[in-house]
PDB file of N, CA and C in Angstrom:
ATOM      1  N   MET A   1     158.123  61.424 103.986  1.00  0.00           N
ATOM      2  CA  MET A   1     157.462  60.177 104.327  1.00  0.00           C
ATOM      3  C   MET A   1     158.279  59.399 105.357  1.00  0.00           C
ATOM      4  N   LEU A   2     159.603  59.393 105.182  1.00  0.00           N
ATOM      5  CA  LEU A   2     160.464  58.705 106.141  1.00  0.00           C
ATOM      6  C   LEU A   2     160.309  59.305 107.533  1.00  0.00           C
ATOM      7  N   ILE A   3     160.183  60.635 107.605  1.00  0.00           N
ATOM      8  CA  ILE A   3     160.006  61.301 108.894  1.00  0.00           C
ATOM      9  C   ILE A   3     158.706  60.843 109.546  1.00  0.00           C
ATOM     10  N   ALA A   4     157.655  60.715 108.778  1.00  0.00           N
ATOM     11  CA  ALA A   4     156.373  60.263 109.316  1.00  0.00           C
ATOM     12  C   ALA A   4     156.484  58.848 109.858  1.00  0.00           C
ATOM     13  N   LEU A   5     157.179  57.984 109.144  1.00  0.00           N
ATOM     14  CA  LEU A   5     157.357  56.609 109.622  1.00  0.00           C
ATOM     15  C   LEU A   5     158.174  56.565 110.902  1.00  0.00           C
ATOM     16  N   LEU A   6     159.225  57.358 110.975  1.00  0.00           N
ATOM     17  CA  LEU A   6     160.046  57.400 112.180  1.00  0.00           C
ATOM     18  C   LEU A   6     159.259  57.967 113.351  1.00  0.00           C
ATOM     19  N   SER A   7     158.454  58.977 113.095  1.00  0.00           N
ATOM     20  CA  SER A   7     157.642  59.575 114.155  1.00  0.00           C
ATOM     21  C   SER A   7     156.630  58.585 114.698  1.00  0.00           C
ATOM     22  N   SER A   8     155.991  57.838 113.808  1.00  0.00           N
ATOM     23  CA  SER A   8     154.994  56.875 114.285  1.00  0.00           C
ATOM     24  C   SER A   8     155.654  55.740 115.065  1.00  0.00           C
ATOM     25  N   ALA A   9     156.858  55.366 114.692  1.00  0.00           N
ATOM     26  CA  ALA A   9     157.565  54.326 115.436  1.00  0.00           C
ATOM     27  C   ALA A   9     157.939  54.820 116.828  1.00  0.00           C
ATOM     28  N   ALA A  10     158.294  56.090 116.940  1.00  0.00           N
ATOM     29  CA  ALA A  10     158.669  56.647 118.235  1.00  0.00           C
ATOM     30  C   ALA A  10     157.470  56.743 119.172  1.00  0.00           C
ATOM     31  N   CYS A  11     156.268  56.835 118.630  1.00  0.00           N
ATOM     32  CA  CYS A  11     155.057  56.958 119.440  1.00  0.00           C
ATOM     33  C   CYS A  11     154.353  55.620 119.634  1.00  0.00           C
ATOM     34  N   ALA A  12     155.025  54.535 119.310  1.00  0.00           N
ATOM     35  CA  ALA A  12     154.402  53.217 119.471  1.00  0.00           C
ATOM     36  C   ALA A  12     154.040  52.991 120.928  1.00  0.00           C
ATOM     37  N   GLN A  13     152.963  52.293 121.122  1.00  0.00           N
ATOM     38  CA  GLN A  13     152.501  52.039 122.482  1.00  0.00           C
ATOM     39  C   GLN A  13     153.371  50.981 123.148  1.00  0.00           C
ATOM     40  N   ILE A  14     153.780  51.272 124.374  1.00  0.00           N
ATOM     41  CA  ILE A  14     154.558  50.331 125.160  1.00  0.00           C
ATOM     42  C   ILE A  14     153.581  49.362 125.804  1.00  0.00           C
ATOM     43  N   PRO A  15     153.856  48.072 125.795  1.00  0.00           N
ATOM     44  CA  PRO A  15     152.938  47.121 126.421  1.00  0.00           C
ATOM     45  C   PRO A  15     152.729  47.446 127.897  1.00  0.00           C
ATOM     46  N   PRO A  16     151.524  47.252 128.419  1.00  0.00           N
ATOM     47  CA  PRO A  16     151.272  47.559 129.817  1.00  0.00           C
ATOM     48  C   PRO A  16     152.047  46.634 130.742  1.00  0.00           C
ATOM     49  N   ASN A  17     152.366  47.149 131.899  1.00  0.00           N
ATOM     50  CA  ASN A  17     153.057  46.381 132.925  1.00  0.00           C
ATOM     51  C   ASN A  17     151.987  45.721 133.783  1.00  0.00           C
ATOM     52  N   ASP A  18     151.910  44.393 133.772  1.00  0.00           N
ATOM     53  CA  ASP A  18     150.852  43.684 134.490  1.00  0.00           C
ATOM     54  C   ASP A  18     150.933  43.847 136.001  1.00  0.00           C
ATOM     55  N   SER A  19     152.062  44.292 136.519  1.00  0.00           N
ATOM     56  CA  SER A  19     152.175  44.471 137.962  1.00  0.00           C
ATOM     57  C   SER A  19     151.989  45.932 138.382  1.00  0.00           C
ATOM     58  N   ALA A  20     151.784  46.810 137.414  1.00  0.00           N
ATOM     59  CA  ALA A  20     151.604  48.232 137.707  1.00  0.00           C
ATOM     60  C   ALA A  20     150.222  48.484 138.297  1.00  0.00           C
ATOM     61  N   PRO A  21     150.088  49.526 139.122  1.00  0.00           N
ATOM     62  CA  PRO A  21     148.764  49.863 139.651  1.00  0.00           C
ATOM     63  C   PRO A  21     147.791  50.185 138.517  1.00  0.00           C
ATOM     64  N   VAL A  22     146.525  49.968 138.780  1.00  0.00           N
ATOM     65  CA  VAL A  22     145.482  50.260 137.799  1.00  0.00           C
ATOM     66  C   VAL A  22     144.982  51.673 138.046  1.00  0.00           C
ATOM     67  N   ARG A  23     144.922  52.470 136.998  1.00  0.00           N
ATOM     68  CA  ARG A  23     144.402  53.836 137.109  1.00  0.00           C
ATOM     69  C   ARG A  23     142.926  53.809 136.743  1.00  0.00           C
ATOM     70  N   VAL A  24     142.101  54.356 137.634  1.00  0.00           N
ATOM     71  CA  VAL A  24     140.669  54.437 137.382  1.00  0.00           C
ATOM     72  C   VAL A  24     140.226  55.889 137.496  1.00  0.00           C
ATOM     73  N   VAL A  25     139.165  56.221 136.773  1.00  0.00           N
ATOM     74  CA  VAL A  25     138.547  57.534 136.880  1.00  0.00           C
ATOM     75  C   VAL A  25     137.185  57.315 137.520  1.00  0.00           C
ATOM     76  N   ILE A  26     136.959  58.013 138.623  1.00  0.00           N
ATOM     77  CA  ILE A  26     135.717  57.882 139.375  1.00  0.00           C
ATOM     78  C   ILE A  26     134.956  59.199 139.320  1.00  0.00           C
ATOM     79  N   ARG A  27     133.674  59.098 138.990  1.00  0.00           N
ATOM     80  CA  ARG A  27     132.782  60.264 139.028  1.00  0.00           C
ATOM     81  C   ARG A  27     131.805  60.038 140.178  1.00  0.00           C
ATOM     82  N   PHE A  28     131.836  60.944 141.148  1.00  0.00           N
ATOM     83  CA  PHE A  28     130.964  60.860 142.310  1.00  0.00           C
ATOM     84  C   PHE A  28     129.595  61.471 142.001  1.00  0.00           C
ATOM     85  N   GLN A  29     128.583  61.083 142.754  1.00  0.00           N
ATOM     86  CA  GLN A  29     127.227  61.617 142.601  1.00  0.00           C
ATOM     87  C   GLN A  29     127.187  63.115 142.899  1.00  0.00           C
ATOM     88  N   GLN A  30     127.985  63.560 143.868  1.00  0.00           N
ATOM     89  CA  GLN A  30     128.012  64.960 144.292  1.00  0.00           C
ATOM     90  C   GLN A  30     129.445  65.454 144.350  1.00  0.00           C
ATOM     91  N   ALA A  31     129.600  66.771 144.450  1.00  0.00           N
ATOM     92  CA  ALA A  31     130.935  67.335 144.625  1.00  0.00           C
ATOM     93  C   ALA A  31     131.580  66.678 145.840  1.00  0.00           C
ATOM     94  N   THR A  32     132.809  66.243 145.668  1.00  0.00           N
ATOM     95  CA  THR A  32     133.517  65.470 146.690  1.00  0.00           C
ATOM     96  C   THR A  32     134.964  65.929 146.734  1.00  0.00           C
ATOM     97  N   PRO A  33     135.541  66.105 147.935  1.00  0.00           N
ATOM     98  CA  PRO A  33     136.960  66.459 148.025  1.00  0.00           C
ATOM     99  C   PRO A  33     137.808  65.201 147.806  1.00  0.00           C
ATOM    100  N   GLY A  34     138.004  64.835 146.564  1.00  0.00           N
ATOM    101  CA  GLY A  34     138.584  63.545 146.176  1.00  0.00           C
ATOM    102  C   GLY A  34     139.963  63.214 146.691  1.00  0.00           C
ATOM    103  N   ALA A  35     140.751  64.214 147.068  1.00  0.00           N
ATOM    104  CA  ALA A  35     142.114  63.951 147.527  1.00  0.00           C
ATOM    105  C   ALA A  35     142.217  63.880 149.048  1.00  0.00           C
ATOM    106  N   GLU A  36     141.126  64.124 149.750  1.00  0.00           N
ATOM    107  CA  GLU A  36     141.181  64.154 151.213  1.00  0.00           C
ATOM    108  C   GLU A  36     141.316  62.752 151.801  1.00  0.00           C
ATOM    109  N   ALA A  37     142.001  62.686 152.936  1.00  0.00           N
ATOM    110  CA  ALA A  37     142.326  61.408 153.572  1.00  0.00           C
ATOM    111  C   ALA A  37     141.096  60.568 153.873  1.00  0.00           C
ATOM    112  N   ASP A  38     139.998  61.188 154.322  1.00  0.00           N
ATOM    113  CA  ASP A  38     138.814  60.394 154.657  1.00  0.00           C
ATOM    114  C   ASP A  38     138.167  59.783 153.420  1.00  0.00           C
ATOM    115  N   VAL A  39     138.218  60.486 152.295  1.00  0.00           N
ATOM    116  CA  VAL A  39     137.680  59.948 151.041  1.00  0.00           C
ATOM    117  C   VAL A  39     138.556  58.789 150.568  1.00  0.00           C
ATOM    118  N   LEU A  40     139.873  58.964 150.615  1.00  0.00           N
ATOM    119  CA  LEU A  40     140.786  57.895 150.214  1.00  0.00           C
ATOM    120  C   LEU A  40     140.619  56.663 151.103  1.00  0.00           C
ATOM    121  N   ALA A  41     140.456  56.890 152.405  1.00  0.00           N
ATOM    122  CA  ALA A  41     140.259  55.771 153.329  1.00  0.00           C
ATOM    123  C   ALA A  41     138.962  55.028 153.025  1.00  0.00           C
ATOM    124  N   ARG A  42     137.912  55.752 152.706  1.00  0.00           N
ATOM    125  CA  ARG A  42     136.630  55.111 152.395  1.00  0.00           C
ATOM    126  C   ARG A  42     136.709  54.345 151.076  1.00  0.00           C
ATOM    127  N   LEU A  43     137.402  54.902 150.083  1.00  0.00           N
ATOM    128  CA  LEU A  43     137.588  54.192 148.811  1.00  0.00           C
ATOM    129  C   LEU A  43     138.363  52.891 149.042  1.00  0.00           C
ATOM    130  N   ALA A  44     139.388  52.941 149.877  1.00  0.00           N
ATOM    131  CA  ALA A  44     140.172  51.743 150.187  1.00  0.00           C
ATOM    132  C   ALA A  44     139.318  50.718 150.930  1.00  0.00           C
ATOM    133  N   GLU A  45     138.490  51.195 151.848  1.00  0.00           N
ATOM    134  CA  GLU A  45     137.615  50.299 152.608  1.00  0.00           C
ATOM    135  C   GLU A  45     136.607  49.603 151.698  1.00  0.00           C
ATOM    136  N   VAL A  46     135.973  50.366 150.816  1.00  0.00           N
ATOM    137  CA  VAL A  46     134.969  49.810 149.904  1.00  0.00           C
ATOM    138  C   VAL A  46     135.606  48.832 148.926  1.00  0.00           C
ATOM    139  N   SER A  47     136.776  49.193 148.391  1.00  0.00           N
ATOM    140  CA  SER A  47     137.413  48.381 147.346  1.00  0.00           C
ATOM    141  C   SER A  47     138.205  47.200 147.894  1.00  0.00           C
ATOM    142  N   GLY A  48     138.747  47.347 149.085  1.00  0.00           N
ATOM    143  CA  GLY A  48     139.636  46.320 149.617  1.00  0.00           C
ATOM    144  C   GLY A  48     141.033  46.407 149.020  1.00  0.00           C
ATOM    145  N   ALA A  49     141.328  47.492 148.330  1.00  0.00           N
ATOM    146  CA  ALA A  49     142.642  47.697 147.705  1.00  0.00           C
ATOM    147  C   ALA A  49     143.227  49.010 148.199  1.00  0.00           C
ATOM    148  N   GLY A  50     144.520  49.150 148.059  1.00  0.00           N
ATOM    149  CA  GLY A  50     145.138  50.439 148.342  1.00  0.00           C
ATOM    150  C   GLY A  50     144.708  51.436 147.285  1.00  0.00           C
ATOM    151  N   VAL A  51     144.486  52.680 147.680  1.00  0.00           N
ATOM    152  CA  VAL A  51     144.032  53.715 146.751  1.00  0.00           C
ATOM    153  C   VAL A  51     144.898  54.945 146.942  1.00  0.00           C
ATOM    154  N   ARG A  52     145.428  55.462 145.827  1.00  0.00           N
ATOM    155  CA  ARG A  52     146.198  56.708 145.848  1.00  0.00           C
ATOM    156  C   ARG A  52     145.550  57.703 144.897  1.00  0.00           C
ATOM    157  N   PHE A  53     145.488  58.957 145.326  1.00  0.00           N
ATOM    158  CA  PHE A  53     144.976  60.031 144.486  1.00  0.00           C
ATOM    159  C   PHE A  53     145.963  60.277 143.351  1.00  0.00           C
ATOM    160  N   ALA A  54     145.454  60.467 142.128  1.00  0.00           N
ATOM    161  CA  ALA A  54     146.330  60.737 140.983  1.00  0.00           C
ATOM    162  C   ALA A  54     146.106  62.129 140.403  1.00  0.00           C
ATOM    163  N   ALA A  55     144.825  62.509 140.177  1.00  0.00           N
ATOM    164  CA  ALA A  55     144.558  63.806 139.550  1.00  0.00           C
ATOM    165  C   ALA A  55     143.090  64.169 139.680  1.00  0.00           C
ATOM    166  N   ALA A  56     142.819  65.463 139.658  1.00  0.00           N
ATOM    167  CA  ALA A  56     141.442  65.953 139.662  1.00  0.00           C
ATOM    168  C   ALA A  56     141.023  66.277 138.228  1.00  0.00           C
ATOM    169  N   VAL A  57     139.828  65.867 137.872  1.00  0.00           N
ATOM    170  CA  VAL A  57     139.258  66.204 136.572  1.00  0.00           C
ATOM    171  C   VAL A  57     138.252  67.331 136.765  1.00  0.00           C
ATOM    172  N   SER A  58     137.453  67.230 137.834  1.00  0.00           N
ATOM    173  CA  SER A  58     136.476  68.263 138.198  1.00  0.00           C
ATOM    174  C   SER A  58     136.207  68.128 139.687  1.00  0.00           C
ATOM    175  N   ASP A  59     135.195  68.852 140.190  1.00  0.00           N
ATOM    176  CA  ASP A  59     134.880  68.739 141.612  1.00  0.00           C
ATOM    177  C   ASP A  59     134.120  67.453 141.938  1.00  0.00           C
ATOM    178  N   ARG A  60     133.800  66.672 140.906  1.00  0.00           N
ATOM    179  CA  ARG A  60     133.117  65.389 141.093  1.00  0.00           C
ATOM    180  C   ARG A  60     133.870  64.209 140.500  1.00  0.00           C
ATOM    181  N   GLU A  61     134.912  64.482 139.733  1.00  0.00           N
ATOM    182  CA  GLU A  61     135.583  63.402 138.994  1.00  0.00           C
ATOM    183  C   GLU A  61     137.091  63.445 139.233  1.00  0.00           C
ATOM    184  N   TYR A  62     137.649  62.256 139.574  1.00  0.00           N
ATOM    185  CA  TYR A  62     139.058  62.155 139.937  1.00  0.00           C
ATOM    186  C   TYR A  62     139.668  60.876 139.384  1.00  0.00           C
ATOM    187  N   ALA A  63     140.974  60.921 139.187  1.00  0.00           N
ATOM    188  CA  ALA A  63     141.722  59.722 138.813  1.00  0.00           C
ATOM    189  C   ALA A  63     142.431  59.211 140.058  1.00  0.00           C
ATOM    190  N   TYR A  64     142.407  57.883 140.223  1.00  0.00           N
ATOM    191  CA  TYR A  64     143.044  57.220 141.351  1.00  0.00           C
ATOM    192  C   TYR A  64     143.866  56.039 140.841  1.00  0.00           C
ATOM    193  N   LEU A  65     144.864  55.655 141.625  1.00  0.00           N
ATOM    194  CA  LEU A  65     145.632  54.447 141.352  1.00  0.00           C
ATOM    195  C   LEU A  65     145.230  53.410 142.385  1.00  0.00           C
ATOM    196  N   LEU A  66     144.794  52.254 141.901  1.00  0.00           N
ATOM    197  CA  LEU A  66     144.503  51.127 142.775  1.00  0.00           C
ATOM    198  C   LEU A  66     145.756  50.274 142.817  1.00  0.00           C
ATOM    199  N   THR A  67     146.248  49.996 144.002  1.00  0.00           N
ATOM    200  CA  THR A  67     147.511  49.269 144.127  1.00  0.00           C
ATOM    201  C   THR A  67     147.293  47.763 144.003  1.00  0.00           C
ATOM    202  N   CYS A  68     146.763  47.391 142.867  1.00  0.00           N
ATOM    203  CA  CYS A  68     146.599  45.984 142.525  1.00  0.00           C
ATOM    204  C   CYS A  68     146.846  45.865 141.023  1.00  0.00           C
ATOM    205  N   PRO A  69     147.481  44.786 140.591  1.00  0.00           N
ATOM    206  CA  PRO A  69     147.738  44.623 139.159  1.00  0.00           C
ATOM    207  C   PRO A  69     146.458  44.303 138.393  1.00  0.00           C
ATOM    208  N   ALA A  70     146.360  44.812 137.195  1.00  0.00           N
ATOM    209  CA  ALA A  70     145.167  44.627 136.371  1.00  0.00           C
ATOM    210  C   ALA A  70     144.851  43.155 136.132  1.00  0.00           C
ATOM    211  N   ALA A  71     145.866  42.323 136.042  1.00  0.00           N
ATOM    212  CA  ALA A  71     145.650  40.904 135.763  1.00  0.00           C
ATOM    213  C   ALA A  71     145.117  40.141 136.973  1.00  0.00           C
ATOM    214  N   ASP A  72     145.153  40.746 138.145  1.00  0.00           N
ATOM    215  CA  ASP A  72     144.708  40.093 139.380  1.00  0.00           C
ATOM    216  C   ASP A  72     143.177  40.133 139.470  1.00  0.00           C
ATOM    217  N   PRO A  73     142.517  38.993 139.597  1.00  0.00           N
ATOM    218  CA  PRO A  73     141.052  38.986 139.726  1.00  0.00           C
ATOM    219  C   PRO A  73     140.568  39.815 140.919  1.00  0.00           C
ATOM    220  N   ALA A  74     141.378  39.922 141.968  1.00  0.00           N
ATOM    221  CA  ALA A  74     140.999  40.745 143.120  1.00  0.00           C
ATOM    222  C   ALA A  74     140.881  42.214 142.729  1.00  0.00           C
ATOM    223  N   CYS A  75     141.661  42.632 141.754  1.00  0.00           N
ATOM    224  CA  CYS A  75     141.593  44.017 141.290  1.00  0.00           C
ATOM    225  C   CYS A  75     140.271  44.261 140.567  1.00  0.00           C
ATOM    226  N   GLN A  76     139.846  43.311 139.785  1.00  0.00           N
ATOM    227  CA  GLN A  76     138.554  43.446 139.105  1.00  0.00           C
ATOM    228  C   GLN A  76     137.411  43.482 140.125  1.00  0.00           C
ATOM    229  N   ARG A  77     137.539  42.703 141.200  1.00  0.00           N
ATOM    230  CA  ARG A  77     136.528  42.740 142.264  1.00  0.00           C
ATOM    231  C   ARG A  77     136.542  44.095 142.967  1.00  0.00           C
ATOM    232  N   ALA A  78     137.721  44.672 143.159  1.00  0.00           N
ATOM    233  CA  ALA A  78     137.832  45.988 143.796  1.00  0.00           C
ATOM    234  C   ALA A  78     137.138  47.051 142.950  1.00  0.00           C
ATOM    235  N   ILE A  79     137.336  46.992 141.636  1.00  0.00           N
ATOM    236  CA  ILE A  79     136.698  47.950 140.724  1.00  0.00           C
ATOM    237  C   ILE A  79     135.180  47.760 140.758  1.00  0.00           C
ATOM    238  N   ALA A  80     134.730  46.512 140.751  1.00  0.00           N
ATOM    239  CA  ALA A  80     133.287  46.226 140.811  1.00  0.00           C
ATOM    240  C   ALA A  80     132.692  46.721 142.125  1.00  0.00           C
ATOM    241  N   ALA A  81     133.418  46.541 143.237  1.00  0.00           N
ATOM    242  CA  ALA A  81     132.925  47.004 144.539  1.00  0.00           C
ATOM    243  C   ALA A  81     132.774  48.520 144.542  1.00  0.00           C
ATOM    244  N   LEU A  82     133.747  49.219 143.984  1.00  0.00           N
ATOM    245  CA  LEU A  82     133.644  50.671 143.906  1.00  0.00           C
ATOM    246  C   LEU A  82     132.468  51.081 143.023  1.00  0.00           C
ATOM    247  N   GLY A  83     132.279  50.372 141.925  1.00  0.00           N
ATOM    248  CA  GLY A  83     131.180  50.679 141.016  1.00  0.00           C
ATOM    249  C   GLY A  83     129.808  50.490 141.635  1.00  0.00           C
ATOM    250  N   SER A  84     129.717  49.650 142.666  1.00  0.00           N
ATOM    251  CA  SER A  84     128.422  49.418 143.300  1.00  0.00           C
ATOM    252  C   SER A  84     128.182  50.341 144.499  1.00  0.00           C
ATOM    253  N   TRP A  85     129.175  51.131 144.873  1.00  0.00           N
ATOM    254  CA  TRP A  85     129.009  52.061 145.995  1.00  0.00           C
ATOM    255  C   TRP A  85     128.091  53.193 145.558  1.00  0.00           C
ATOM    256  N   THR A  86     127.085  53.506 146.337  1.00  0.00           N
ATOM    257  CA  THR A  86     126.063  54.477 145.935  1.00  0.00           C
ATOM    258  C   THR A  86     126.591  55.897 145.772  1.00  0.00           C
ATOM    259  N   ARG A  87     127.710  56.250 146.380  1.00  0.00           N
ATOM    260  CA  ARG A  87     128.272  57.603 146.217  1.00  0.00           C
ATOM    261  C   ARG A  87     128.928  57.789 144.848  1.00  0.00           C
ATOM    262  N   ILE A  88     129.190  56.675 144.155  1.00  0.00           N
ATOM    263  CA  ILE A  88     129.883  56.748 142.869  1.00  0.00           C
ATOM    264  C   ILE A  88     128.883  56.633 141.724  1.00  0.00           C
ATOM    265  N   GLU A  89     128.932  57.609 140.826  1.00  0.00           N
ATOM    266  CA  GLU A  89     128.057  57.600 139.640  1.00  0.00           C
ATOM    267  C   GLU A  89     128.592  56.639 138.587  1.00  0.00           C
ATOM    268  N   ARG A  90     129.927  56.683 138.371  1.00  0.00           N
ATOM    269  CA  ARG A  90     130.538  55.749 137.414  1.00  0.00           C
ATOM    270  C   ARG A  90     132.027  55.618 137.711  1.00  0.00           C
ATOM    271  N   ILE A  91     132.562  54.502 137.269  1.00  0.00           N
ATOM    272  CA  ILE A  91     133.990  54.237 137.395  1.00  0.00           C
ATOM    273  C   ILE A  91     134.453  53.597 136.090  1.00  0.00           C
ATOM    274  N   ALA A  92     135.624  53.996 135.629  1.00  0.00           N
ATOM    275  CA  ALA A  92     136.166  53.429 134.392  1.00  0.00           C
ATOM    276  C   ALA A  92     137.669  53.270 134.542  1.00  0.00           C
ATOM    277  N   VAL A  93     138.192  52.199 133.990  1.00  0.00           N
ATOM    278  CA  VAL A  93     139.641  52.013 133.937  1.00  0.00           C
ATOM    279  C   VAL A  93     140.182  53.002 132.913  1.00  0.00           C
ATOM    280  N   ASP A  94     141.213  53.724 133.298  1.00  0.00           N
ATOM    281  CA  ASP A  94     141.827  54.724 132.441  1.00  0.00           C
ATOM    282  C   ASP A  94     143.001  54.079 131.719  1.00  0.00           C
ATOM    283  N   ASP A  95     142.818  53.755 130.448  1.00  0.00           N
ATOM    284  CA  ASP A  95     143.877  53.123 129.647  1.00  0.00           C
ATOM    285  C   ASP A  95     144.800  54.207 129.107  1.00  0.00           C
ATOM    286  N   ILE A  96     145.877  54.449 129.831  1.00  0.00           N
ATOM    287  CA  ILE A  96     146.840  55.487 129.438  1.00  0.00           C
ATOM    288  C   ILE A  96     147.784  54.905 128.399  1.00  0.00           C
ATOM    289  N   LYS A  97     147.964  55.638 127.327  1.00  0.00           N
ATOM    290  CA  LYS A  97     148.942  55.218 126.324  1.00  0.00           C
ATOM    291  C   LYS A  97     150.301  55.759 126.753  1.00  0.00           C
ATOM    292  N   ARG A  98     151.262  54.862 126.829  1.00  0.00           N
ATOM    293  CA  ARG A  98     152.611  55.262 127.230  1.00  0.00           C
ATOM    294  C   ARG A  98     153.416  55.505 125.976  1.00  0.00           C
ATOM    295  N   ILE A  99     154.000  56.676 125.903  1.00  0.00           N
ATOM    296  CA  ILE A  99     154.775  57.066 124.733  1.00  0.00           C
ATOM    297  C   ILE A  99     156.258  56.840 125.015  1.00  0.00           C
ATOM    298  N   ARG A 100     156.914  56.230 124.083  1.00  0.00           N
ATOM    299  CA  ARG A 100     158.362  56.024 124.227  1.00  0.00           C
ATOM    300  C   ARG A 100     159.060  57.369 124.080  1.00  0.00           C
ATOM    301  N   PRO A 101     160.125  57.576 124.887  1.00  0.00           N
ATOM    302  CA  PRO A 101     160.857  58.839 124.782  1.00  0.00           C
ATOM    303  C   PRO A 101     161.607  58.992 123.475  1.00  0.00           C
TER     304      PRO A 101
END
């Protein structure tokens, strides 16, 4: 039982960093080369925020980092702008749980 308690304490969630980039998962309407420079440039143009490729989920779905803090209202506007772009089927903030080492 003590081991279980120690294990759960080690896996406690670290509070989010309010100045860290926001990770979003975007699903496009069609297959899209999500890591290509022109796609990243268009995402930045639509959102008004810096956009970095993070990971591929499929040929239509990718994770990106928006270089704006989650607490910034401009970041919420950037996410809303991306959500209204017709090439995007859906966008969601990816709440990553950070595990303590």
